N, C-alpha and C. Protein backbone atom coordinates (compact mmCIF):
# COMPACT_ATOMS: atom_id res chain seq x y z
N MET A 1 127.17 -227.17 67.33
CA MET A 1 126.30 -226.10 68.32
C MET A 1 126.44 -226.22 69.66
N GLU A 2 126.17 -224.98 70.40
CA GLU A 2 126.55 -224.73 71.49
C GLU A 2 126.61 -225.74 72.72
N PHE A 3 125.56 -226.99 72.60
CA PHE A 3 125.16 -227.73 73.44
C PHE A 3 126.45 -228.92 73.51
N GLU A 4 126.97 -229.06 72.87
CA GLU A 4 128.27 -230.01 72.65
C GLU A 4 129.10 -230.06 73.54
N LYS A 5 129.21 -228.74 74.67
CA LYS A 5 129.99 -229.00 75.78
C LYS A 5 129.42 -229.91 76.93
N PHE A 6 128.05 -230.26 76.41
CA PHE A 6 127.66 -231.04 77.53
C PHE A 6 127.72 -232.68 77.04
N HIS A 7 128.07 -233.66 78.02
CA HIS A 7 128.15 -235.10 77.40
C HIS A 7 126.49 -235.41 77.08
N THR A 8 125.51 -235.24 78.17
CA THR A 8 124.08 -235.55 77.17
C THR A 8 123.20 -234.79 78.23
N ILE A 9 122.13 -234.18 77.53
CA ILE A 9 120.86 -233.40 78.29
C ILE A 9 120.28 -234.18 78.96
N VAL A 10 119.68 -234.21 79.95
CA VAL A 10 118.58 -234.71 80.50
C VAL A 10 117.29 -234.27 80.74
N LEU A 11 116.27 -234.21 80.59
CA LEU A 11 114.89 -233.70 81.03
C LEU A 11 114.44 -234.78 82.05
N ALA A 12 114.60 -234.30 83.24
CA ALA A 12 113.68 -235.27 84.24
C ALA A 12 112.39 -234.82 84.57
N SER A 13 111.77 -234.90 83.78
CA SER A 13 109.92 -234.90 83.56
C SER A 13 109.51 -235.50 82.49
N ALA A 14 108.34 -235.81 82.71
CA ALA A 14 107.55 -236.87 81.66
C ALA A 14 106.56 -235.72 81.12
N SER A 15 106.64 -234.58 80.96
CA SER A 15 106.10 -233.33 80.51
C SER A 15 106.21 -233.64 78.97
N PRO A 16 105.13 -234.28 78.05
CA PRO A 16 105.47 -233.94 76.93
C PRO A 16 105.65 -232.51 76.09
N ARG A 17 105.29 -231.58 76.98
CA ARG A 17 105.14 -229.89 76.86
C ARG A 17 106.54 -229.24 77.33
N ARG A 18 107.12 -230.15 77.84
CA ARG A 18 108.56 -229.68 78.01
C ARG A 18 109.37 -229.87 77.30
N LEU A 19 109.47 -231.16 76.90
CA LEU A 19 110.08 -231.88 75.78
C LEU A 19 109.70 -231.15 74.62
N GLU A 20 108.68 -230.47 73.85
CA GLU A 20 108.67 -230.21 72.87
C GLU A 20 109.42 -229.03 73.15
N LEU A 21 109.29 -228.03 74.03
CA LEU A 21 109.67 -226.77 73.99
C LEU A 21 111.56 -226.82 73.59
N LEU A 22 112.02 -227.76 74.53
CA LEU A 22 113.45 -227.96 74.36
C LEU A 22 113.84 -228.24 73.01
N ARG A 23 112.59 -229.24 72.63
CA ARG A 23 113.07 -229.37 70.99
C ARG A 23 113.10 -228.22 70.29
N GLN A 24 112.20 -227.32 70.75
CA GLN A 24 111.69 -225.96 69.72
C GLN A 24 113.36 -225.02 69.46
N ILE A 25 114.17 -225.41 70.48
CA ILE A 25 115.11 -224.07 70.73
C ILE A 25 116.71 -225.46 70.42
N GLY A 26 116.27 -226.82 69.57
CA GLY A 26 117.25 -227.23 69.06
C GLY A 26 118.06 -228.34 70.26
N ILE A 27 117.41 -228.72 71.42
CA ILE A 27 117.93 -229.53 72.59
C ILE A 27 117.03 -230.49 71.97
N GLU A 28 117.72 -231.92 71.78
CA GLU A 28 117.10 -233.31 72.14
C GLU A 28 117.50 -234.31 73.00
N PRO A 29 116.94 -233.89 74.52
CA PRO A 29 117.29 -234.61 75.32
C PRO A 29 116.55 -235.96 75.61
N GLU A 30 117.49 -236.73 76.84
CA GLU A 30 117.02 -238.08 77.00
C GLU A 30 116.16 -237.84 77.96
N VAL A 31 115.23 -238.48 77.91
CA VAL A 31 113.90 -237.95 79.44
C VAL A 31 113.87 -239.28 80.31
N ILE A 32 114.48 -239.00 81.42
CA ILE A 32 114.37 -239.97 83.17
C ILE A 32 113.69 -239.15 83.69
N VAL A 33 112.79 -239.68 84.14
CA VAL A 33 111.53 -239.24 84.69
C VAL A 33 112.03 -239.65 86.52
N SER A 34 111.96 -238.76 87.21
CA SER A 34 112.40 -238.61 88.88
C SER A 34 111.26 -239.41 89.39
N HIS A 35 111.26 -240.23 90.31
CA HIS A 35 110.46 -240.85 91.20
C HIS A 35 110.91 -240.35 92.63
N VAL A 36 111.33 -239.34 92.95
CA VAL A 36 111.67 -238.86 94.33
C VAL A 36 110.35 -238.48 94.95
N GLU A 37 109.68 -238.78 96.36
CA GLU A 37 108.82 -238.08 96.95
C GLU A 37 109.15 -236.73 97.17
N GLU A 38 108.27 -236.05 96.29
CA GLU A 38 108.18 -234.63 96.75
C GLU A 38 107.95 -233.83 98.23
N VAL A 39 108.94 -233.17 98.93
CA VAL A 39 108.55 -232.44 100.32
C VAL A 39 108.66 -231.26 99.81
N VAL A 40 107.67 -230.40 100.04
CA VAL A 40 107.52 -228.82 100.46
C VAL A 40 107.38 -228.37 101.70
N THR A 41 108.37 -227.51 101.74
CA THR A 41 108.36 -226.98 102.96
C THR A 41 107.87 -225.38 103.25
N SER A 42 107.33 -224.68 101.87
CA SER A 42 107.15 -223.37 101.80
C SER A 42 105.62 -223.45 101.22
N SER A 43 105.26 -222.23 101.17
CA SER A 43 103.64 -222.04 100.58
C SER A 43 103.70 -220.86 99.87
N VAL A 44 104.94 -220.35 99.37
CA VAL A 44 105.42 -219.21 98.50
C VAL A 44 105.40 -220.03 97.33
N PRO A 45 104.76 -219.60 96.23
CA PRO A 45 104.59 -220.32 94.89
C PRO A 45 106.14 -220.36 94.47
N GLY A 46 106.91 -219.26 94.31
CA GLY A 46 108.35 -219.19 93.77
C GLY A 46 109.25 -220.08 94.63
N GLU A 47 108.98 -220.16 95.75
CA GLU A 47 110.03 -220.95 96.76
C GLU A 47 109.05 -222.64 96.47
N VAL A 48 108.33 -222.96 96.12
CA VAL A 48 107.67 -224.37 96.15
C VAL A 48 108.42 -224.88 94.97
N VAL A 49 108.07 -223.84 93.72
CA VAL A 49 108.26 -224.58 92.25
C VAL A 49 109.92 -224.76 92.05
N MET A 50 110.31 -224.03 93.04
CA MET A 50 112.35 -224.27 92.98
C MET A 50 112.73 -225.40 93.65
N GLU A 51 111.93 -225.65 94.98
CA GLU A 51 112.14 -226.46 95.78
C GLU A 51 111.51 -227.64 94.74
N LEU A 52 110.68 -228.01 94.40
CA LEU A 52 110.48 -229.21 93.80
C LEU A 52 111.20 -229.60 92.55
N SER A 53 111.75 -228.44 91.96
CA SER A 53 112.52 -228.94 90.48
C SER A 53 114.04 -229.28 90.93
N ARG A 54 114.05 -228.66 92.26
CA ARG A 54 115.42 -229.18 92.39
C ARG A 54 115.72 -230.04 92.89
N GLN A 55 114.67 -231.07 93.68
CA GLN A 55 114.48 -232.62 94.15
C GLN A 55 114.37 -233.10 93.08
N LYS A 56 113.76 -232.92 92.01
CA LYS A 56 113.49 -234.13 90.45
C LYS A 56 115.10 -234.16 90.29
N ALA A 57 115.45 -233.01 89.65
CA ALA A 57 117.01 -232.72 89.16
C ALA A 57 117.80 -233.23 89.77
N GLU A 58 118.14 -233.26 91.36
CA GLU A 58 119.20 -233.95 92.08
C GLU A 58 119.17 -235.39 91.98
N ASP A 59 117.70 -235.80 92.12
CA ASP A 59 117.22 -237.55 91.97
C ASP A 59 118.13 -238.05 90.89
N VAL A 60 117.71 -237.45 89.47
CA VAL A 60 118.05 -237.87 88.34
C VAL A 60 119.62 -237.75 88.41
N ALA A 61 120.06 -236.51 88.84
CA ALA A 61 121.37 -236.31 88.30
C ALA A 61 122.53 -237.46 89.34
N LYS A 62 122.12 -237.78 90.33
CA LYS A 62 122.96 -238.65 90.90
C LYS A 62 123.45 -240.04 90.31
N ASP A 63 122.49 -240.64 89.28
CA ASP A 63 122.82 -241.73 88.90
C ASP A 63 123.49 -241.29 87.46
N GLN A 64 123.70 -240.00 87.19
CA GLN A 64 124.44 -239.78 85.51
C GLN A 64 125.65 -239.53 85.70
N GLU A 65 126.36 -239.45 83.90
CA GLU A 65 128.06 -239.77 83.97
C GLU A 65 128.30 -238.06 84.54
N PRO A 66 129.67 -237.88 84.12
CA PRO A 66 130.50 -236.57 84.48
C PRO A 66 129.56 -236.09 83.37
N GLY A 67 129.26 -234.23 83.19
CA GLY A 67 129.53 -234.03 81.95
C GLY A 67 127.89 -233.66 81.22
N THR A 68 126.98 -234.71 82.35
CA THR A 68 125.98 -234.86 81.99
C THR A 68 125.25 -233.61 82.71
N LEU A 69 123.75 -232.65 81.51
CA LEU A 69 123.45 -231.82 82.13
C LEU A 69 121.59 -232.36 82.34
N VAL A 70 121.28 -231.91 83.65
CA VAL A 70 120.14 -232.41 84.17
C VAL A 70 118.72 -231.01 84.09
N ILE A 71 117.71 -231.13 83.65
CA ILE A 71 117.17 -230.19 83.97
C ILE A 71 116.17 -230.90 84.48
N GLY A 72 115.42 -230.21 85.40
CA GLY A 72 114.47 -230.49 86.31
C GLY A 72 113.31 -229.32 86.53
N SER A 73 111.91 -229.78 86.58
CA SER A 73 111.25 -228.15 86.33
C SER A 73 110.03 -228.75 87.32
N ASP A 74 109.37 -227.61 87.90
CA ASP A 74 107.54 -227.84 88.39
C ASP A 74 107.26 -226.48 88.06
N THR A 75 105.79 -226.77 87.68
CA THR A 75 104.74 -225.39 87.50
C THR A 75 103.79 -225.69 88.96
N VAL A 76 103.60 -224.28 88.88
CA VAL A 76 102.53 -224.09 90.06
C VAL A 76 101.51 -222.94 89.37
N VAL A 77 100.39 -222.82 89.38
CA VAL A 77 99.45 -221.78 89.12
C VAL A 77 98.89 -221.04 90.58
N ALA A 78 98.98 -220.18 90.53
CA ALA A 78 98.11 -219.07 92.24
C ALA A 78 97.58 -218.04 92.06
N VAL A 79 96.54 -218.47 92.59
CA VAL A 79 95.47 -217.19 92.57
C VAL A 79 95.57 -216.68 94.09
N ASP A 80 95.44 -215.12 93.99
CA ASP A 80 95.45 -214.41 95.20
C ASP A 80 96.79 -215.08 96.38
N GLY A 81 97.79 -215.97 95.55
CA GLY A 81 98.61 -216.26 96.52
C GLY A 81 98.46 -217.70 96.70
N ARG A 82 97.23 -217.99 96.61
CA ARG A 82 97.21 -219.65 96.88
C ARG A 82 97.56 -220.54 95.76
N ILE A 83 98.30 -221.50 95.85
CA ILE A 83 98.76 -222.28 94.92
C ILE A 83 97.51 -223.43 94.63
N LEU A 84 97.07 -223.81 92.94
CA LEU A 84 96.29 -224.33 92.85
C LEU A 84 97.12 -225.57 91.96
N GLY A 85 96.76 -226.88 92.37
CA GLY A 85 97.97 -227.86 92.02
C GLY A 85 97.17 -228.23 90.71
N LYS A 86 97.45 -229.98 90.42
CA LYS A 86 96.56 -230.91 89.64
C LYS A 86 95.34 -231.02 90.09
N PRO A 87 94.02 -230.85 89.39
CA PRO A 87 92.77 -231.45 90.01
C PRO A 87 92.40 -232.76 90.14
N HIS A 88 92.13 -232.94 91.30
CA HIS A 88 92.03 -234.81 91.34
C HIS A 88 90.65 -235.22 90.86
N ASP A 89 89.92 -234.41 90.50
CA ASP A 89 88.71 -235.00 89.94
C ASP A 89 88.03 -233.72 89.14
N HIS A 90 86.89 -233.60 88.23
CA HIS A 90 86.20 -232.65 87.42
C HIS A 90 85.57 -231.63 88.27
N ASP A 91 85.10 -232.22 89.50
CA ASP A 91 84.71 -231.34 90.69
C ASP A 91 85.63 -230.10 90.58
N GLU A 92 86.72 -230.58 91.04
CA GLU A 92 87.71 -229.65 91.40
C GLU A 92 88.26 -228.91 90.26
N ALA A 93 88.35 -229.50 89.29
CA ALA A 93 88.67 -228.35 88.26
C ALA A 93 87.71 -227.78 87.90
N GLU A 94 86.32 -227.94 88.26
CA GLU A 94 85.40 -226.62 87.86
C GLU A 94 85.44 -225.62 88.87
N ALA A 95 85.97 -225.89 90.24
CA ALA A 95 86.28 -225.33 91.29
C ALA A 95 87.33 -224.17 90.91
N MET A 96 88.65 -224.76 90.70
CA MET A 96 89.67 -224.34 89.85
C MET A 96 89.50 -222.92 88.93
N ILE A 97 88.68 -223.24 88.06
CA ILE A 97 88.67 -223.04 86.79
C ILE A 97 87.55 -221.22 87.07
N ARG A 98 86.44 -222.04 88.60
CA ARG A 98 85.71 -220.68 88.56
C ARG A 98 86.70 -219.37 89.52
N SER A 99 87.94 -220.15 90.00
CA SER A 99 88.50 -219.04 90.97
C SER A 99 89.57 -218.34 90.13
N ILE A 100 89.75 -218.93 88.40
CA ILE A 100 90.53 -217.70 87.94
C ILE A 100 89.82 -217.12 86.79
N GLU A 101 88.39 -217.67 86.61
CA GLU A 101 87.89 -216.73 85.28
C GLU A 101 87.50 -215.35 85.72
N GLY A 102 87.84 -214.22 84.88
CA GLY A 102 87.49 -213.33 84.53
C GLY A 102 88.42 -212.32 85.44
N ARG A 103 89.38 -212.41 85.73
CA ARG A 103 90.59 -211.98 86.46
C ARG A 103 91.86 -212.33 86.07
N THR A 104 93.27 -212.00 86.54
CA THR A 104 94.49 -212.25 86.66
C THR A 104 94.97 -213.31 87.47
N HIS A 105 95.71 -214.31 87.03
CA HIS A 105 96.67 -215.23 88.25
C HIS A 105 98.08 -215.04 87.58
N GLN A 106 98.73 -215.85 88.38
CA GLN A 106 99.96 -216.23 88.18
C GLN A 106 100.66 -217.40 87.84
N VAL A 107 101.11 -217.72 87.01
CA VAL A 107 101.75 -219.03 86.59
C VAL A 107 103.12 -219.14 86.87
N TYR A 108 103.91 -219.99 87.97
CA TYR A 108 105.10 -220.23 88.34
C TYR A 108 106.22 -221.43 88.10
N THR A 109 106.99 -221.36 87.27
CA THR A 109 107.47 -222.46 86.54
C THR A 109 109.11 -222.10 87.35
N GLY A 110 109.49 -223.04 88.32
CA GLY A 110 110.84 -223.63 88.84
C GLY A 110 111.70 -224.30 88.05
N VAL A 111 112.94 -224.04 87.74
CA VAL A 111 114.26 -225.08 87.02
C VAL A 111 114.88 -225.23 87.78
N CYS A 112 115.83 -226.26 87.95
CA CYS A 112 116.66 -226.71 88.42
C CYS A 112 117.78 -227.19 86.87
N MET A 113 118.96 -226.77 87.41
CA MET A 113 119.86 -227.27 86.52
C MET A 113 121.09 -227.69 87.08
N VAL A 114 121.74 -229.46 86.91
CA VAL A 114 122.36 -229.76 87.30
C VAL A 114 123.63 -230.37 86.38
N LEU A 115 124.82 -229.81 86.29
CA LEU A 115 125.78 -230.18 85.72
C LEU A 115 126.94 -230.90 86.34
N ARG A 116 126.95 -232.47 86.00
CA ARG A 116 127.57 -233.31 87.10
C ARG A 116 129.24 -233.33 86.83
N GLY A 117 129.64 -233.00 88.09
CA GLY A 117 131.30 -232.86 87.69
C GLY A 117 131.75 -234.07 87.23
N THR A 118 132.93 -232.96 86.42
CA THR A 118 133.96 -234.06 85.71
C THR A 118 135.50 -233.85 86.14
N ASP A 119 136.14 -234.74 86.39
CA ASP A 119 137.30 -234.80 86.73
C ASP A 119 137.64 -234.41 88.18
N GLY A 120 136.85 -234.76 88.84
CA GLY A 120 136.99 -234.96 90.64
C GLY A 120 136.32 -233.71 90.62
N GLU A 121 135.88 -233.02 89.63
CA GLU A 121 135.14 -231.15 90.05
C GLU A 121 133.72 -232.01 90.65
N GLY A 122 133.40 -231.07 91.59
CA GLY A 122 131.57 -231.10 92.40
C GLY A 122 130.84 -230.68 91.07
N ASP A 123 129.40 -231.07 91.52
CA ASP A 123 128.33 -230.88 90.52
C ASP A 123 128.22 -229.00 90.59
N GLN A 124 128.02 -228.46 89.45
CA GLN A 124 127.43 -227.59 89.41
C GLN A 124 125.65 -227.13 89.27
N SER A 125 125.22 -226.47 89.97
CA SER A 125 124.00 -226.41 90.00
C SER A 125 123.34 -224.91 90.32
N MET A 126 122.10 -224.66 89.50
CA MET A 126 121.49 -223.21 89.43
C MET A 126 119.89 -223.73 89.19
N ASN A 127 119.42 -222.97 89.89
CA ASN A 127 118.21 -223.17 90.40
C ASN A 127 117.34 -221.69 90.52
N PHE A 128 116.18 -221.43 89.38
CA PHE A 128 115.42 -220.04 89.50
C PHE A 128 114.02 -220.42 89.38
N PHE A 129 113.85 -219.62 88.84
CA PHE A 129 111.90 -219.64 88.62
C PHE A 129 111.67 -218.64 87.71
N ASP A 130 110.44 -218.65 86.89
CA ASP A 130 109.94 -217.51 86.30
C ASP A 130 108.21 -217.13 86.77
N GLU A 131 108.02 -215.99 86.48
CA GLU A 131 106.45 -215.88 86.61
C GLU A 131 105.84 -215.24 85.70
N THR A 132 104.28 -215.46 85.47
CA THR A 132 103.75 -215.00 84.52
C THR A 132 102.24 -214.64 84.85
N ASP A 133 101.88 -213.64 84.62
CA ASP A 133 100.31 -212.86 84.66
C ASP A 133 99.80 -213.57 83.74
N VAL A 134 98.54 -214.35 84.07
CA VAL A 134 97.58 -214.54 82.96
C VAL A 134 96.25 -213.59 83.34
N GLU A 135 95.52 -213.20 82.49
CA GLU A 135 94.31 -212.94 82.50
C GLU A 135 93.25 -213.49 81.81
N VAL A 136 92.18 -213.99 82.48
CA VAL A 136 91.14 -214.65 81.68
C VAL A 136 89.63 -213.87 81.41
N TYR A 137 89.37 -214.30 80.41
CA TYR A 137 88.38 -213.70 80.04
C TYR A 137 86.97 -214.07 81.02
N PRO A 138 86.23 -213.55 81.21
CA PRO A 138 84.99 -213.79 82.49
C PRO A 138 84.23 -214.99 81.54
N MET A 139 83.72 -216.48 81.90
CA MET A 139 83.69 -217.50 81.41
C MET A 139 82.03 -217.90 82.08
N SER A 140 80.95 -218.33 80.94
CA SER A 140 79.60 -218.52 81.71
C SER A 140 79.70 -219.63 82.53
N ASP A 141 79.07 -219.99 83.43
CA ASP A 141 78.75 -221.38 84.09
C ASP A 141 78.91 -222.43 82.98
N GLU A 142 78.05 -222.76 81.96
CA GLU A 142 78.23 -223.46 80.95
C GLU A 142 79.54 -223.88 80.38
N GLU A 143 80.43 -222.71 80.21
CA GLU A 143 81.41 -222.82 79.42
C GLU A 143 82.12 -223.20 80.62
N ILE A 144 82.32 -222.86 82.15
CA ILE A 144 83.31 -223.18 82.76
C ILE A 144 82.51 -224.82 83.08
N HIS A 145 81.67 -225.15 83.33
CA HIS A 145 81.11 -226.57 83.58
C HIS A 145 81.51 -227.74 82.29
N ASP A 146 81.71 -227.36 81.24
CA ASP A 146 81.81 -228.07 79.98
C ASP A 146 83.28 -228.04 79.84
N TYR A 147 84.26 -227.12 80.25
CA TYR A 147 85.54 -227.05 79.95
C TYR A 147 86.08 -228.15 81.46
N ALA A 148 85.30 -227.82 82.39
CA ALA A 148 85.98 -228.98 83.72
C ALA A 148 85.87 -230.46 83.21
N MET A 149 84.52 -230.77 82.74
CA MET A 149 84.10 -232.00 82.51
C MET A 149 84.98 -232.31 81.24
N SER A 150 85.88 -232.05 80.73
CA SER A 150 86.50 -232.37 79.73
C SER A 150 87.79 -233.16 80.31
N GLU A 151 88.73 -233.97 79.36
CA GLU A 151 89.81 -234.10 79.81
C GLU A 151 90.94 -233.33 79.79
N GLU A 152 91.19 -232.47 78.92
CA GLU A 152 92.42 -231.38 79.30
C GLU A 152 92.45 -230.87 80.56
N PRO A 153 91.83 -230.69 81.61
CA PRO A 153 92.49 -230.13 82.49
C PRO A 153 92.87 -230.90 83.48
N MET A 154 92.83 -232.35 83.55
CA MET A 154 92.99 -233.24 84.57
C MET A 154 94.20 -233.71 84.89
N ASP A 155 95.48 -233.35 84.02
CA ASP A 155 96.99 -233.54 84.54
C ASP A 155 97.73 -232.04 84.34
N LYS A 156 96.80 -230.98 84.69
CA LYS A 156 97.31 -229.83 84.81
C LYS A 156 97.25 -228.78 85.89
N ALA A 157 98.32 -228.09 86.34
CA ALA A 157 98.40 -227.27 87.08
C ALA A 157 97.24 -226.28 86.77
N GLY A 158 96.51 -226.03 88.10
CA GLY A 158 95.61 -224.81 87.71
C GLY A 158 94.59 -225.21 87.04
N ALA A 159 94.39 -226.23 86.64
CA ALA A 159 93.31 -227.15 85.77
C ALA A 159 92.96 -226.98 83.89
N TYR A 160 94.29 -226.00 84.04
CA TYR A 160 94.10 -225.67 82.51
C TYR A 160 95.20 -225.92 81.32
N ALA A 161 95.37 -225.83 80.31
CA ALA A 161 96.16 -225.93 79.19
C ALA A 161 96.53 -224.49 78.71
N VAL A 162 97.22 -223.72 78.38
CA VAL A 162 97.15 -222.56 77.93
C VAL A 162 97.22 -222.92 76.32
N GLN A 163 98.21 -224.22 75.86
CA GLN A 163 98.49 -224.25 74.35
C GLN A 163 96.86 -225.34 73.64
N GLY A 164 96.00 -225.19 75.00
CA GLY A 164 94.90 -226.10 74.43
C GLY A 164 93.69 -225.12 74.16
N PHE A 165 92.58 -226.17 74.65
CA PHE A 165 91.39 -225.38 74.07
C PHE A 165 90.72 -224.11 74.96
N PHE A 166 91.49 -224.27 76.14
CA PHE A 166 91.59 -223.01 77.12
C PHE A 166 91.95 -222.04 76.45
N GLY A 167 92.58 -221.84 75.31
CA GLY A 167 93.43 -220.51 74.89
C GLY A 167 92.21 -219.88 74.67
N ARG A 168 91.03 -220.37 74.13
CA ARG A 168 89.99 -219.61 73.84
C ARG A 168 89.38 -218.35 74.75
N TYR A 169 89.61 -219.04 75.97
CA TYR A 169 89.40 -217.90 77.17
C TYR A 169 90.64 -216.80 77.96
N ILE A 170 91.79 -217.14 77.04
CA ILE A 170 92.90 -216.51 77.92
C ILE A 170 92.92 -214.95 76.57
N LYS A 171 92.74 -214.14 77.66
CA LYS A 171 92.93 -212.46 77.47
C LYS A 171 94.25 -212.30 77.14
N GLY A 172 94.96 -212.55 78.21
CA GLY A 172 96.23 -211.93 77.83
C GLY A 172 97.33 -212.54 79.08
N LEU A 173 98.39 -212.10 78.61
CA LEU A 173 99.45 -212.74 79.34
C LEU A 173 100.64 -211.35 79.34
N ARG A 174 101.36 -211.45 81.03
CA ARG A 174 102.31 -210.66 80.96
C ARG A 174 103.66 -211.32 81.28
N GLY A 175 104.87 -211.76 80.35
CA GLY A 175 105.37 -212.30 80.71
C GLY A 175 105.65 -213.82 79.57
N SER A 176 106.22 -214.87 79.78
CA SER A 176 106.71 -215.83 78.75
C SER A 176 105.54 -216.63 78.76
N TYR A 177 105.28 -217.11 77.38
CA TYR A 177 104.01 -218.06 77.08
C TYR A 177 104.64 -219.62 77.54
N ALA A 178 105.56 -219.67 77.25
CA ALA A 178 106.45 -220.65 77.28
C ALA A 178 106.18 -221.37 78.58
N ASN A 179 106.41 -220.05 79.87
CA ASN A 179 106.85 -220.30 81.32
C ASN A 179 105.02 -221.12 81.54
N VAL A 180 103.93 -220.35 80.77
CA VAL A 180 102.89 -220.90 81.47
C VAL A 180 102.70 -222.45 80.49
N MET A 181 103.40 -222.83 79.66
CA MET A 181 103.24 -224.11 79.09
C MET A 181 103.88 -225.28 79.70
N GLY A 182 105.05 -224.98 81.04
CA GLY A 182 105.57 -225.48 81.55
C GLY A 182 107.12 -225.36 81.53
N LEU A 183 107.62 -224.25 80.72
CA LEU A 183 109.24 -224.36 80.90
C LEU A 183 109.36 -222.77 80.08
N PRO A 184 110.21 -221.93 81.03
CA PRO A 184 110.38 -220.95 80.74
C PRO A 184 111.73 -220.88 79.84
N ILE A 185 111.41 -221.37 78.63
CA ILE A 185 112.70 -221.73 77.97
C ILE A 185 113.51 -220.77 77.32
N SER A 186 113.66 -219.49 76.92
CA SER A 186 114.43 -218.20 76.92
C SER A 186 115.28 -218.31 78.12
N MET A 187 114.88 -218.33 78.90
CA MET A 187 115.29 -218.29 80.54
C MET A 187 116.47 -219.45 80.58
N VAL A 188 115.82 -220.52 80.57
CA VAL A 188 116.68 -222.07 80.64
C VAL A 188 118.08 -221.70 79.46
N TYR A 189 118.20 -221.41 78.43
CA TYR A 189 119.04 -220.95 77.29
C TYR A 189 119.96 -220.11 78.05
N GLN A 190 119.54 -219.07 78.50
CA GLN A 190 120.32 -218.00 78.90
C GLN A 190 121.33 -218.47 80.24
N GLU A 191 120.78 -219.51 81.27
CA GLU A 191 121.25 -219.85 81.98
C GLU A 191 121.99 -221.21 81.86
N MET A 192 121.90 -221.81 80.41
CA MET A 192 122.60 -223.00 80.17
C MET A 192 124.25 -222.30 79.84
N LYS A 193 123.93 -221.47 79.03
CA LYS A 193 125.05 -220.59 78.44
C LYS A 193 126.28 -220.70 79.73
N LYS A 194 125.82 -219.68 80.67
CA LYS A 194 126.36 -219.68 82.15
C LYS A 194 127.22 -220.89 82.53
N LEU A 195 126.91 -222.41 82.31
CA LEU A 195 127.56 -223.22 82.94
C LEU A 195 128.73 -223.84 82.30
């Protein structure tokens, strides 16, 4: 397999969706979660996800063997350029769903890959992001409330899971579906081949 050039591949994320996406393309990574305190210096969604993915990847990479590839990732949802993080409670989830229903918003996922240097060479890294437009059907007050009160939105950027129950409200996507799930897997694969 073409991934044999890496000593080990590490996913610096606890996301079961990212793990599932990597497995889908034949990568069985080790999972090591970063506990770095995230620092954001930008309010531009693409820059934010690149910054956060880089912090996670570099945090995990510093303790790895030479030849190890570490993949860090971060996803945000943005509407009118305003970032929607993970909701703190069901009321906030309801407000987020209300802000995206009946219109188009963007999902940004940043990826940072750090390849630990071998034979005294320094680390190689690449940092990029993908953007997908997501159009949501109009929703009734009852649909918004019922979804927001469920557990599904609680650990999701923008308060929804495209691959979950919320899928019934997605009218269409322009861009990568996997990106909306949390990892633009085809872009990750193409970039891995360059390392």
